[in-house]
């Protein structure tokens, strides 16, 4: 059975970042439609949008036009690059907070990373060379 599925998927595009995004949108729409069930058209619209997103996602995943699907994914990635970069930066900052203090320079706003456990130290900003004292 696994071999048949692998053979079926040969030459098809598969799952990418845009497919995961459209599946997430579909899931959110379908779950939100449950809360608007009481005869309102909002629930029906959300349900229809969710179903359309699922159909579009499977169309993209099973497509044999790999160049076109790749171009769509690249456009999605370029449109969301700044958002993804911000989240990656915040995640990195949270991981660094376990071992370092992160201070902001009072004059220029530059973020400075100092190891934890150094006690009271004088920090020299690498950007504007302002000196300030902080407890590490």
N, C-alpha and C. Protein backbone atom coordinates (compact mmCIF):
# COMPACT_ATOMS: atom_id res chain seq x y z
N UNK A 1 0.82 -1.20 0.00
CA UNK A 1 0.00 0.00 0.00
C UNK A 1 0.87 1.27 0.00
N UNK A 2 1.94 1.25 0.82
CA UNK A 2 2.83 2.40 0.90
C UNK A 2 3.51 2.64 -0.44
N UNK A 3 3.89 1.55 -1.12
CA UNK A 3 4.55 1.68 -2.42
C UNK A 3 3.61 2.28 -3.45
N UNK A 4 2.32 1.92 -3.38
CA UNK A 4 1.34 2.47 -4.32
C UNK A 4 1.19 3.97 -4.12
N UNK A 5 1.17 4.39 -2.86
CA UNK A 5 1.05 5.83 -2.59
C UNK A 5 2.29 6.56 -3.08
N UNK A 6 3.47 5.99 -2.83
CA UNK A 6 4.72 6.62 -3.29
C UNK A 6 4.72 6.72 -4.81
N UNK A 7 4.28 5.67 -5.48
CA UNK A 7 4.22 5.67 -6.95
C UNK A 7 3.21 6.73 -7.44
N UNK A 8 2.06 6.87 -6.74
CA UNK A 8 1.05 7.85 -7.11
C UNK A 8 1.60 9.27 -6.98
N UNK A 9 2.39 9.53 -5.93
CA UNK A 9 2.90 10.88 -5.67
C UNK A 9 4.12 11.24 -6.51
N UNK A 10 4.68 10.30 -7.25
CA UNK A 10 5.83 10.61 -8.10
C UNK A 10 5.45 11.66 -9.14
N UNK A 11 6.27 12.70 -9.25
CA UNK A 11 6.02 13.75 -10.23
C UNK A 11 4.99 14.78 -9.80
N UNK A 12 4.50 14.67 -8.58
CA UNK A 12 3.52 15.64 -8.06
C UNK A 12 4.24 16.60 -7.12
N UNK A 13 3.62 17.75 -6.86
CA UNK A 13 4.29 18.81 -6.13
C UNK A 13 4.46 18.50 -4.64
N UNK A 14 3.42 18.09 -3.95
CA UNK A 14 3.51 17.77 -2.53
C UNK A 14 3.21 18.98 -1.64
N UNK A 15 3.64 18.89 -0.40
CA UNK A 15 3.33 19.90 0.61
C UNK A 15 4.47 20.91 0.72
N UNK A 16 4.12 22.20 0.81
CA UNK A 16 5.10 23.26 1.02
C UNK A 16 4.54 24.24 2.04
N UNK A 17 5.22 25.34 2.24
CA UNK A 17 4.80 26.33 3.24
C UNK A 17 3.44 26.94 2.93
N UNK A 18 3.19 27.21 1.66
CA UNK A 18 1.90 27.80 1.28
C UNK A 18 0.76 26.80 1.50
N UNK A 19 1.02 25.52 1.25
CA UNK A 19 0.00 24.49 1.49
C UNK A 19 -0.32 24.39 2.97
N UNK A 20 0.71 24.45 3.82
CA UNK A 20 0.45 24.41 5.27
C UNK A 20 -0.35 25.63 5.71
N UNK A 21 -0.05 26.80 5.13
CA UNK A 21 -0.78 28.01 5.47
C UNK A 21 -2.26 27.90 5.06
N UNK A 22 -2.52 27.44 3.83
CA UNK A 22 -3.91 27.34 3.37
C UNK A 22 -4.68 26.28 4.16
N UNK A 23 -4.01 25.21 4.58
CA UNK A 23 -4.67 24.21 5.43
C UNK A 23 -5.00 24.82 6.79
N UNK A 24 -4.10 25.65 7.32
CA UNK A 24 -4.37 26.33 8.59
C UNK A 24 -5.54 27.27 8.49
N UNK A 25 -5.62 28.01 7.37
CA UNK A 25 -6.75 28.91 7.14
C UNK A 25 -8.04 28.10 7.06
N UNK A 26 -8.00 26.98 6.37
CA UNK A 26 -9.18 26.12 6.24
C UNK A 26 -9.63 25.62 7.61
N UNK A 27 -8.68 25.19 8.43
CA UNK A 27 -9.02 24.69 9.76
C UNK A 27 -9.64 25.79 10.62
N UNK A 28 -9.05 26.98 10.58
CA UNK A 28 -9.59 28.11 11.37
C UNK A 28 -11.00 28.45 10.90
N UNK A 29 -11.22 28.48 9.59
CA UNK A 29 -12.55 28.82 9.06
C UNK A 29 -13.59 27.79 9.46
N UNK A 30 -13.24 26.52 9.36
CA UNK A 30 -14.21 25.47 9.70
C UNK A 30 -14.51 25.45 11.19
N UNK A 31 -13.49 25.64 12.03
CA UNK A 31 -13.73 25.69 13.48
C UNK A 31 -14.55 26.93 13.83
N UNK A 32 -14.25 28.06 13.20
CA UNK A 32 -15.01 29.29 13.48
C UNK A 32 -16.46 29.16 13.01
N UNK A 33 -16.68 28.40 11.94
CA UNK A 33 -18.05 28.24 11.44
C UNK A 33 -18.94 27.49 12.44
N UNK A 34 -18.33 26.68 13.30
CA UNK A 34 -19.10 25.96 14.31
C UNK A 34 -19.76 26.93 15.28
N UNK A 35 -19.08 28.03 15.57
CA UNK A 35 -19.62 29.01 16.52
C UNK A 35 -20.71 29.89 15.92
N UNK A 36 -20.85 29.90 14.60
CA UNK A 36 -21.86 30.71 13.93
C UNK A 36 -22.94 29.85 13.30
N UNK A 37 -23.19 28.66 13.82
CA UNK A 37 -24.13 27.71 13.21
C UNK A 37 -25.59 28.14 13.27
N UNK A 38 -26.00 28.88 14.23
CA UNK A 38 -27.42 29.14 14.51
C UNK A 38 -28.12 29.90 13.40
N UNK A 39 -28.18 29.34 12.21
CA UNK A 39 -28.95 29.91 11.12
C UNK A 39 -28.34 31.15 10.48
N UNK A 40 -27.15 31.54 10.87
CA UNK A 40 -26.57 32.74 10.28
C UNK A 40 -25.81 32.38 9.00
N UNK A 41 -25.71 33.35 8.13
CA UNK A 41 -25.00 33.11 6.88
C UNK A 41 -23.48 33.14 7.09
N UNK A 42 -23.04 33.73 8.21
CA UNK A 42 -21.61 33.79 8.49
C UNK A 42 -21.03 32.39 8.63
N UNK A 43 -21.73 31.52 9.33
CA UNK A 43 -21.27 30.14 9.49
C UNK A 43 -21.17 29.42 8.16
N UNK A 44 -22.16 29.62 7.30
CA UNK A 44 -22.14 28.97 5.99
C UNK A 44 -21.01 29.50 5.12
N UNK A 45 -20.77 30.81 5.19
CA UNK A 45 -19.69 31.41 4.40
C UNK A 45 -18.34 30.89 4.88
N UNK A 46 -18.13 30.86 6.21
CA UNK A 46 -16.87 30.35 6.75
C UNK A 46 -16.67 28.89 6.38
N UNK A 47 -17.72 28.11 6.46
CA UNK A 47 -17.64 26.69 6.10
C UNK A 47 -17.27 26.53 4.62
N UNK A 48 -17.88 27.34 3.76
CA UNK A 48 -17.59 27.28 2.32
C UNK A 48 -16.15 27.72 2.03
N UNK A 49 -15.69 28.77 2.68
CA UNK A 49 -14.31 29.22 2.50
C UNK A 49 -13.33 28.15 2.97
N UNK A 50 -13.63 27.51 4.09
CA UNK A 50 -12.77 26.43 4.60
C UNK A 50 -12.71 25.26 3.64
N UNK A 51 -13.86 24.87 3.10
CA UNK A 51 -13.90 23.76 2.15
C UNK A 51 -13.15 24.12 0.86
N UNK A 52 -13.32 25.35 0.40
CA UNK A 52 -12.61 25.80 -0.81
C UNK A 52 -11.10 25.81 -0.57
N UNK A 53 -10.68 26.21 0.61
CA UNK A 53 -9.24 26.22 0.93
C UNK A 53 -8.68 24.80 0.96
N UNK A 54 -9.45 23.86 1.48
CA UNK A 54 -9.00 22.45 1.49
C UNK A 54 -8.88 21.92 0.07
N UNK A 55 -9.88 22.20 -0.75
CA UNK A 55 -9.85 21.74 -2.14
C UNK A 55 -8.66 22.35 -2.88
N UNK A 56 -8.43 23.64 -2.71
CA UNK A 56 -7.30 24.31 -3.36
C UNK A 56 -5.97 23.72 -2.88
N UNK A 57 -5.86 23.45 -1.58
CA UNK A 57 -4.63 22.88 -1.05
C UNK A 57 -4.36 21.51 -1.65
N UNK A 58 -5.38 20.66 -1.73
CA UNK A 58 -5.17 19.33 -2.33
C UNK A 58 -4.88 19.44 -3.82
N UNK A 59 -5.49 20.42 -4.49
CA UNK A 59 -5.17 20.64 -5.90
C UNK A 59 -3.70 20.97 -6.06
N UNK A 60 -3.18 21.85 -5.20
CA UNK A 60 -1.76 22.23 -5.28
C UNK A 60 -0.86 21.04 -4.95
N UNK A 61 -1.23 20.26 -3.93
CA UNK A 61 -0.41 19.13 -3.52
C UNK A 61 -0.33 18.04 -4.60
N UNK A 62 -1.42 17.83 -5.31
CA UNK A 62 -1.47 16.77 -6.31
C UNK A 62 -1.12 17.25 -7.72
N UNK A 63 -0.81 18.52 -7.86
CA UNK A 63 -0.52 19.09 -9.17
C UNK A 63 0.79 18.56 -9.74
N UNK A 64 0.81 18.41 -11.06
CA UNK A 64 2.04 17.99 -11.73
C UNK A 64 2.78 19.20 -12.33
N UNK A 65 2.18 20.37 -12.25
CA UNK A 65 2.82 21.59 -12.75
C UNK A 65 3.71 22.16 -11.64
N UNK A 66 4.87 21.56 -11.48
CA UNK A 66 5.75 21.86 -10.36
C UNK A 66 6.28 23.29 -10.44
N UNK A 67 6.61 23.78 -11.63
CA UNK A 67 7.17 25.13 -11.75
C UNK A 67 6.17 26.19 -11.28
N UNK A 68 4.91 26.03 -11.64
CA UNK A 68 3.89 27.01 -11.26
C UNK A 68 3.66 26.98 -9.74
N UNK A 69 3.60 25.78 -9.16
CA UNK A 69 3.39 25.65 -7.71
C UNK A 69 4.59 26.20 -6.96
N UNK A 70 5.79 25.99 -7.49
CA UNK A 70 7.00 26.52 -6.87
C UNK A 70 6.97 28.05 -6.90
N UNK A 71 6.55 28.63 -8.02
CA UNK A 71 6.46 30.09 -8.13
C UNK A 71 5.44 30.65 -7.13
N UNK A 72 4.31 29.96 -6.96
CA UNK A 72 3.31 30.40 -5.98
C UNK A 72 3.89 30.38 -4.57
N UNK A 73 4.62 29.31 -4.25
CA UNK A 73 5.21 29.20 -2.92
C UNK A 73 6.26 30.28 -2.71
N UNK A 74 7.07 30.57 -3.71
CA UNK A 74 8.08 31.61 -3.57
C UNK A 74 7.45 32.98 -3.36
N UNK A 75 6.34 33.24 -4.03
CA UNK A 75 5.64 34.51 -3.84
C UNK A 75 5.11 34.61 -2.42
N UNK A 76 4.53 33.51 -1.92
CA UNK A 76 4.04 33.48 -0.53
C UNK A 76 5.19 33.71 0.45
N UNK A 77 6.31 33.03 0.23
CA UNK A 77 7.45 33.17 1.12
C UNK A 77 8.02 34.59 1.09
N UNK A 78 8.05 35.21 -0.08
CA UNK A 78 8.57 36.59 -0.15
C UNK A 78 7.62 37.57 0.52
N UNK A 79 6.31 37.32 0.43
CA UNK A 79 5.34 38.21 1.07
C UNK A 79 5.38 38.09 2.60
N UNK A 80 5.71 36.92 3.11
CA UNK A 80 5.70 36.70 4.56
C UNK A 80 7.10 36.69 5.17
N UNK A 81 8.11 37.07 4.41
CA UNK A 81 9.49 36.98 4.90
C UNK A 81 9.72 37.83 6.15
N UNK A 82 9.22 39.05 6.16
CA UNK A 82 9.46 39.93 7.31
C UNK A 82 8.75 39.40 8.56
N UNK A 83 7.56 38.87 8.41
CA UNK A 83 6.82 38.32 9.55
C UNK A 83 7.54 37.10 10.10
N UNK A 84 7.96 36.19 9.20
CA UNK A 84 8.67 35.00 9.64
C UNK A 84 10.00 35.35 10.28
N UNK A 85 10.69 36.36 9.74
CA UNK A 85 11.97 36.81 10.32
C UNK A 85 11.75 37.37 11.71
N UNK A 86 10.68 38.13 11.93
CA UNK A 86 10.40 38.70 13.25
C UNK A 86 10.16 37.58 14.26
N UNK A 87 9.35 36.56 13.88
CA UNK A 87 9.09 35.45 14.79
C UNK A 87 10.36 34.66 15.09
N UNK A 88 11.20 34.45 14.08
CA UNK A 88 12.46 33.74 14.27
C UNK A 88 13.37 34.52 15.22
N UNK A 89 13.40 35.85 15.06
CA UNK A 89 14.22 36.70 15.91
C UNK A 89 13.73 36.66 17.36
N UNK A 90 12.41 36.71 17.55
CA UNK A 90 11.84 36.65 18.90
C UNK A 90 12.11 35.29 19.55
N UNK A 91 12.01 34.23 18.79
CA UNK A 91 12.29 32.89 19.31
C UNK A 91 13.75 32.79 19.73
N UNK A 92 14.64 33.32 18.92
CA UNK A 92 16.06 33.32 19.24
C UNK A 92 16.34 34.12 20.51
N UNK A 93 15.68 35.27 20.65
CA UNK A 93 15.86 36.10 21.84
C UNK A 93 15.40 35.35 23.09
N UNK A 94 14.28 34.63 22.99
CA UNK A 94 13.76 33.88 24.15
C UNK A 94 14.72 32.76 24.53
N UNK A 95 15.34 32.11 23.54
CA UNK A 95 16.31 31.06 23.84
C UNK A 95 17.56 31.65 24.49
N UNK A 96 17.98 32.84 24.06
CA UNK A 96 19.17 33.47 24.62
C UNK A 96 18.94 34.00 26.02
N UNK A 97 17.71 34.29 26.39
CA UNK A 97 17.43 34.85 27.72
C UNK A 97 17.75 33.86 28.83
N UNK A 98 17.90 32.57 28.51
CA UNK A 98 18.25 31.57 29.52
C UNK A 98 19.69 31.76 29.98
N UNK A 99 20.56 32.21 29.10
CA UNK A 99 21.98 32.31 29.43
C UNK A 99 22.50 33.75 29.42
N UNK A 100 21.73 34.69 28.90
CA UNK A 100 22.20 36.07 28.76
C UNK A 100 21.11 37.06 29.17
N UNK A 101 21.56 38.23 29.64
CA UNK A 101 20.66 39.37 29.81
C UNK A 101 20.74 40.17 28.52
N UNK A 102 19.62 40.71 28.09
CA UNK A 102 19.61 41.54 26.89
C UNK A 102 19.17 42.94 27.32
N UNK A 103 20.08 43.88 27.19
CA UNK A 103 19.82 45.26 27.58
C UNK A 103 19.72 46.13 26.34
N UNK A 104 19.02 47.24 26.49
CA UNK A 104 18.89 48.21 25.41
C UNK A 104 19.65 49.47 25.79
N UNK A 105 20.45 49.95 24.86
CA UNK A 105 21.22 51.17 25.11
C UNK A 105 20.26 52.34 25.30
N UNK A 106 20.45 53.15 26.36
CA UNK A 106 19.53 54.26 26.61
C UNK A 106 19.59 55.37 25.56
N UNK A 107 20.71 55.51 24.83
CA UNK A 107 20.78 56.60 23.88
C UNK A 107 20.42 56.19 22.45
N UNK A 108 20.86 55.03 22.00
CA UNK A 108 20.62 54.70 20.60
C UNK A 108 19.62 53.55 20.40
N UNK A 109 19.31 52.81 21.46
CA UNK A 109 18.33 51.73 21.34
C UNK A 109 18.91 50.41 20.88
N UNK A 110 20.23 50.32 20.73
CA UNK A 110 20.89 49.08 20.32
C UNK A 110 20.71 48.03 21.41
N UNK A 111 20.40 46.78 21.02
CA UNK A 111 20.27 45.69 21.99
C UNK A 111 21.65 45.08 22.20
N UNK A 112 21.98 44.88 23.49
CA UNK A 112 23.30 44.37 23.85
C UNK A 112 23.10 43.12 24.70
N UNK A 113 23.83 42.06 24.37
CA UNK A 113 23.71 40.78 25.05
C UNK A 113 24.88 40.60 26.01
N UNK A 114 24.56 40.39 27.31
CA UNK A 114 25.57 40.24 28.36
C UNK A 114 25.32 38.90 29.05
N UNK A 115 26.38 38.10 29.29
CA UNK A 115 26.19 36.82 29.99
C UNK A 115 25.61 37.02 31.38
N UNK A 116 24.79 36.08 31.82
CA UNK A 116 24.22 36.13 33.16
C UNK A 116 25.29 35.84 34.21
N UNK A 117 25.08 36.33 35.41
CA UNK A 117 25.95 36.01 36.54
C UNK A 117 27.24 36.80 36.61
N UNK A 118 27.33 37.93 35.96
CA UNK A 118 28.55 38.74 35.99
C UNK A 118 28.49 39.81 37.08
N UNK A 119 27.36 39.94 37.74
CA UNK A 119 27.23 40.96 38.78
C UNK A 119 26.96 42.33 38.18
N UNK A 120 27.36 43.36 38.91
CA UNK A 120 27.17 44.75 38.45
C UNK A 120 28.30 45.08 37.48
N UNK A 121 27.93 45.46 36.25
CA UNK A 121 28.94 45.72 35.22
C UNK A 121 28.67 47.03 34.50
N UNK A 122 29.74 47.57 33.94
CA UNK A 122 29.61 48.76 33.11
C UNK A 122 29.61 48.30 31.66
N UNK A 123 28.58 48.69 30.92
CA UNK A 123 28.41 48.26 29.54
C UNK A 123 28.76 49.42 28.62
N UNK A 124 29.58 49.13 27.61
CA UNK A 124 29.94 50.11 26.59
C UNK A 124 29.19 49.73 25.32
N UNK A 125 28.28 50.58 24.87
CA UNK A 125 27.50 50.30 23.67
C UNK A 125 28.42 50.23 22.46
N UNK A 126 28.35 49.14 21.68
CA UNK A 126 29.24 49.02 20.52
C UNK A 126 28.87 49.97 19.38
N UNK A 127 27.66 50.51 19.40
CA UNK A 127 27.21 51.37 18.31
C UNK A 127 27.55 52.84 18.56
N UNK A 128 27.17 53.35 19.76
CA UNK A 128 27.37 54.79 20.03
C UNK A 128 28.39 55.04 21.13
N UNK A 129 28.93 54.00 21.75
CA UNK A 129 29.95 54.06 22.79
C UNK A 129 29.49 54.78 24.05
N UNK A 130 28.19 54.75 24.32
CA UNK A 130 27.67 55.27 25.58
C UNK A 130 27.93 54.22 26.66
N UNK A 131 28.35 54.68 27.84
CA UNK A 131 28.60 53.76 28.94
C UNK A 131 27.44 53.85 29.93
N UNK A 132 26.97 52.69 30.38
CA UNK A 132 25.92 52.66 31.40
C UNK A 132 26.14 51.43 32.26
N UNK A 133 25.64 51.48 33.49
CA UNK A 133 25.86 50.43 34.47
C UNK A 133 24.56 49.64 34.67
N UNK A 134 24.70 48.32 34.63
CA UNK A 134 23.56 47.42 34.84
C UNK A 134 23.99 46.26 35.73
N UNK A 135 23.01 45.67 36.40
CA UNK A 135 23.27 44.47 37.21
C UNK A 135 22.95 43.27 36.34
N UNK A 136 23.92 42.38 36.15
CA UNK A 136 23.75 41.23 35.28
C UNK A 136 23.20 40.09 36.05
